[in-house]
Amino acid sequence: MDDQPFPLRVRSGRLIAMPYSVEMNDVSALATDEADVFFDNAKRQFDCLYREGERSGRVMCMSLHPPLIGQPQRIRYLEQWLEYVTSFSDVWHATGAEIAEFYMTHCYDDAVRRLDDRRRSDVGRI
């Protein structure tokens, strides 16, 4: 559930959990490391998710706070990272709202159906 949206069972309506990585949050990362380490980790995460995305889409969420990442000693690492990820023409640079809308429109019903099928088959084994 950490790199794709996931449907949640609720009493009424439809709800999803959106990917959110604590490791890719500059508040937690910059508490222990400097920006060069943070963005090296971000590049490795991107590269892994990009490879996995050949089979099924992946979401890489980065939580950035301008007062932290915008500091003069850090901003160049953000610029370098953005240059890197935008060099991939087949990567969708979307907002969380855009990802949620796409998932709800194109994936939600199928995911719920697969989960229900799995739950029914698991009940038969117990």
C-alpha atoms as a PDB file:
ATOM      1  CA  MET A   1       0.000   0.000   0.000  1.00  0.00           C
ATOM      2  CA  ASP A   2       2.969   2.345   0.154  1.00  0.00           C
ATOM      3  CA  ASP A   3       3.416   3.103  -3.530  1.00  0.00           C
ATOM      4  CA  GLN A   4      -0.083   2.782  -4.987  1.00  0.00           C
ATOM      5  CA  PRO A   5      -3.475   4.106  -3.921  1.00  0.00           C
ATOM      6  CA  PHE A   6      -5.544   1.495  -2.101  1.00  0.00           C
ATOM      7  CA  PRO A   7      -9.308   1.250  -1.531  1.00  0.00           C
ATOM      8  CA  LEU A   8     -10.526   1.340   2.049  1.00  0.00           C
ATOM      9  CA  ARG A   9     -13.768  -0.246   3.190  1.00  0.00           C
ATOM     10  CA  VAL A  10     -16.100   2.388   4.613  1.00  0.00           C
ATOM     11  CA  ARG A  11     -19.758   2.286   5.658  1.00  0.00           C
ATOM     12  CA  SER A  12     -20.826   4.480   2.776  1.00  0.00           C
ATOM     13  CA  GLY A  13     -19.154   6.084  -0.185  1.00  0.00           C
ATOM     14  CA  ARG A  14     -15.702   5.395  -1.542  1.00  0.00           C
ATOM     15  CA  LEU A  15     -12.374   6.141   0.109  1.00  0.00           C
ATOM     16  CA  ILE A  16      -8.750   5.447  -0.774  1.00  0.00           C
ATOM     17  CA  ALA A  17      -5.450   5.594   1.051  1.00  0.00           C
ATOM     18  CA  MET A  18      -2.907   7.637  -0.856  1.00  0.00           C
ATOM     19  CA  PRO A  19       0.802   6.817  -0.777  1.00  0.00           C
ATOM     20  CA  TYR A  20       2.793   8.878   1.704  1.00  0.00           C
ATOM     21  CA  SER A  21       6.405   8.136   2.512  1.00  0.00           C
ATOM     22  CA  VAL A  22       7.891   9.415   5.751  1.00  0.00           C
ATOM     23  CA  GLU A  23      11.334   8.872   4.254  1.00  0.00           C
ATOM     24  CA  MET A  24      10.516  11.284   1.430  1.00  0.00           C
ATOM     25  CA  ASN A  25       9.405  14.044   3.796  1.00  0.00           C
ATOM     26  CA  ASP A  26      12.005  16.761   4.168  1.00  0.00           C
ATOM     27  CA  VAL A  27      11.017  17.430   7.779  1.00  0.00           C
ATOM     28  CA  SER A  28      11.943  13.939   8.954  1.00  0.00           C
ATOM     29  CA  ALA A  29      14.831  13.420   6.518  1.00  0.00           C
ATOM     30  CA  LEU A  30      16.557  16.735   7.136  1.00  0.00           C
ATOM     31  CA  ALA A  31      16.392  16.191  10.887  1.00  0.00           C
ATOM     32  CA  THR A  32      19.158  13.588  10.540  1.00  0.00           C
ATOM     33  CA  ASP A  33      20.777  14.154   7.116  1.00  0.00           C
ATOM     34  CA  GLU A  34      21.562  17.019   4.810  1.00  0.00           C
ATOM     35  CA  ALA A  35      19.905  17.630   1.434  1.00  0.00           C
ATOM     36  CA  ASP A  36      22.489  15.757  -0.643  1.00  0.00           C
ATOM     37  CA  VAL A  37      21.708  12.528   1.242  1.00  0.00           C
ATOM     38  CA  PHE A  38      17.947  13.181   1.091  1.00  0.00           C
ATOM     39  CA  PHE A  39      17.980  13.604  -2.683  1.00  0.00           C
ATOM     40  CA  ASP A  40      20.330  10.652  -3.212  1.00  0.00           C
ATOM     41  CA  ASN A  41      17.750   8.558  -1.351  1.00  0.00           C
ATOM     42  CA  ALA A  42      14.970  10.148  -3.435  1.00  0.00           C
ATOM     43  CA  LYS A  43      16.784   9.265  -6.657  1.00  0.00           C
ATOM     44  CA  ARG A  44      17.188   5.645  -5.547  1.00  0.00           C
ATOM     45  CA  GLN A  45      13.512   5.448  -4.610  1.00  0.00           C
ATOM     46  CA  PHE A  46      12.489   6.985  -7.941  1.00  0.00           C
ATOM     47  CA  ASP A  47      14.692   4.558  -9.887  1.00  0.00           C
ATOM     48  CA  CYS A  48      13.207   1.551  -8.083  1.00  0.00           C
ATOM     49  CA  LEU A  49       9.612   2.722  -8.548  1.00  0.00           C
ATOM     50  CA  TYR A  50      10.317   3.565 -12.193  1.00  0.00           C
ATOM     51  CA  ARG A  51      11.481  -0.028 -12.818  1.00  0.00           C
ATOM     52  CA  GLU A  52       8.493  -1.444 -10.937  1.00  0.00           C
ATOM     53  CA  GLY A  53       6.206   0.912 -12.841  1.00  0.00           C
ATOM     54  CA  GLU A  54       6.829  -1.028 -16.049  1.00  0.00           C
ATOM     55  CA  ARG A  55       4.388  -3.643 -14.694  1.00  0.00           C
ATOM     56  CA  SER A  56       1.975  -1.391 -12.846  1.00  0.00           C
ATOM     57  CA  GLY A  57       1.909   2.323 -12.065  1.00  0.00           C
ATOM     58  CA  ARG A  58       3.660   3.574  -8.944  1.00  0.00           C
ATOM     59  CA  VAL A  59       3.343   6.774  -6.924  1.00  0.00           C
ATOM     60  CA  MET A  60       6.275   8.598  -5.424  1.00  0.00           C
ATOM     61  CA  CYS A  61       5.122  11.167  -2.932  1.00  0.00           C
ATOM     62  CA  MET A  62       7.545  13.807  -1.720  1.00  0.00           C
ATOM     63  CA  SER A  63       6.555  16.210   1.021  1.00  0.00           C
ATOM     64  CA  LEU A  64       8.617  19.364   0.737  1.00  0.00           C
ATOM     65  CA  HIS A  65       8.440  22.497   2.859  1.00  0.00           C
ATOM     66  CA  PRO A  66       9.838  25.706   1.320  1.00  0.00           C
ATOM     67  CA  PRO A  67      11.269  27.034   4.609  1.00  0.00           C
ATOM     68  CA  LEU A  68      13.396  23.858   4.823  1.00  0.00           C
ATOM     69  CA  ILE A  69      14.210  22.752   1.309  1.00  0.00           C
ATOM     70  CA  GLY A  70      14.296  26.319   0.016  1.00  0.00           C
ATOM     71  CA  GLN A  71      17.367  27.196   2.079  1.00  0.00           C
ATOM     72  CA  PRO A  72      20.308  28.321  -0.073  1.00  0.00           C
ATOM     73  CA  GLN A  73      22.451  25.310   0.901  1.00  0.00           C
ATOM     74  CA  ARG A  74      19.645  22.873  -0.074  1.00  0.00           C
ATOM     75  CA  ILE A  75      17.780  24.270  -3.060  1.00  0.00           C
ATOM     76  CA  ARG A  76      20.341  23.160  -5.653  1.00  0.00           C
ATOM     77  CA  TYR A  77      19.730  19.517  -4.697  1.00  0.00           C
ATOM     78  CA  LEU A  78      16.004  19.938  -5.301  1.00  0.00           C
ATOM     79  CA  GLU A  79      16.740  21.564  -8.659  1.00  0.00           C
ATOM     80  CA  GLN A  80      19.041  18.690  -9.645  1.00  0.00           C
ATOM     81  CA  TRP A  81      16.480  16.101  -8.583  1.00  0.00           C
ATOM     82  CA  LEU A  82      13.666  17.810 -10.490  1.00  0.00           C
ATOM     83  CA  GLU A  83      15.873  17.976 -13.568  1.00  0.00           C
ATOM     84  CA  TYR A  84      16.527  14.243 -13.227  1.00  0.00           C
ATOM     85  CA  VAL A  85      12.919  13.075 -12.818  1.00  0.00           C
ATOM     86  CA  THR A  86      11.570  15.413 -15.501  1.00  0.00           C
ATOM     87  CA  SER A  87      14.067  13.946 -17.978  1.00  0.00           C
ATOM     88  CA  PHE A  88      11.880  10.810 -18.122  1.00  0.00           C
ATOM     89  CA  SER A  89       9.253  11.552 -20.772  1.00  0.00           C
ATOM     90  CA  ASP A  90       6.972   8.705 -19.686  1.00  0.00           C
ATOM     91  CA  VAL A  91       6.607   9.821 -16.055  1.00  0.00           C
ATOM     92  CA  TRP A  92       3.398  11.568 -15.050  1.00  0.00           C
ATOM     93  CA  HIS A  93       4.142  14.485 -12.721  1.00  0.00           C
ATOM     94  CA  ALA A  94       0.775  14.735 -11.026  1.00  0.00           C
ATOM     95  CA  THR A  95      -0.709  16.239  -7.912  1.00  0.00           C
ATOM     96  CA  GLY A  96      -2.264  14.036  -5.259  1.00  0.00           C
ATOM     97  CA  ALA A  97      -5.709  15.178  -6.376  1.00  0.00           C
ATOM     98  CA  GLU A  98      -4.963  14.184  -9.989  1.00  0.00           C
ATOM     99  CA  ILE A  99      -3.745  10.755  -8.889  1.00  0.00           C
ATOM    100  CA  ALA A 100      -6.795  10.206  -6.675  1.00  0.00           C
ATOM    101  CA  GLU A 101      -9.184  11.261  -9.452  1.00  0.00           C
ATOM    102  CA  PHE A 102      -7.518   8.930 -11.955  1.00  0.00           C
ATOM    103  CA  TYR A 103      -7.537   6.021  -9.499  1.00  0.00           C
ATOM    104  CA  MET A 104     -11.173   6.534  -8.516  1.00  0.00           C
ATOM    105  CA  THR A 105     -12.218   6.719 -12.177  1.00  0.00           C
ATOM    106  CA  HIS A 106     -10.094   3.930 -13.660  1.00  0.00           C
ATOM    107  CA  CYS A 107      -8.939   1.562 -10.896  1.00  0.00           C
ATOM    108  CA  TYR A 108     -11.099   1.705  -7.779  1.00  0.00           C
ATOM    109  CA  ASP A 109     -13.947  -0.620  -8.815  1.00  0.00           C
ATOM    110  CA  ASP A 110     -11.583  -3.280 -10.181  1.00  0.00           C
ATOM    111  CA  ALA A 111      -9.428  -3.168  -7.032  1.00  0.00           C
ATOM    112  CA  VAL A 112     -12.482  -3.560  -4.779  1.00  0.00           C
ATOM    113  CA  ARG A 113     -13.710  -6.453  -6.920  1.00  0.00           C
ATOM    114  CA  ARG A 114     -10.303  -8.210  -6.675  1.00  0.00           C
ATOM    115  CA  LEU A 115     -10.230  -7.711  -2.882  1.00  0.00           C
ATOM    116  CA  ASP A 116     -13.773  -9.080  -2.528  1.00  0.00           C
ATOM    117  CA  ASP A 117     -12.870 -12.121  -4.675  1.00  0.00           C
ATOM    118  CA  ARG A 118      -9.797 -12.756  -2.557  1.00  0.00           C
ATOM    119  CA  ARG A 119     -11.775 -12.412   0.675  1.00  0.00           C
ATOM    120  CA  ARG A 120     -14.360 -14.934  -0.581  1.00  0.00           C
ATOM    121  CA  SER A 121     -11.662 -17.420  -1.575  1.00  0.00           C
ATOM    122  CA  ASP A 122      -9.884 -17.004   1.793  1.00  0.00           C
ATOM    123  CA  VAL A 123     -13.133 -17.738   3.674  1.00  0.00           C
ATOM    124  CA  GLY A 124     -13.399 -21.085   1.908  1.00  0.00           C
ATOM    125  CA  ARG A 125      -9.935 -22.097   3.162  1.00  0.00           C
ATOM    126  CA  ILE A 126     -10.603 -21.429   6.833  1.00  0.00           C
END
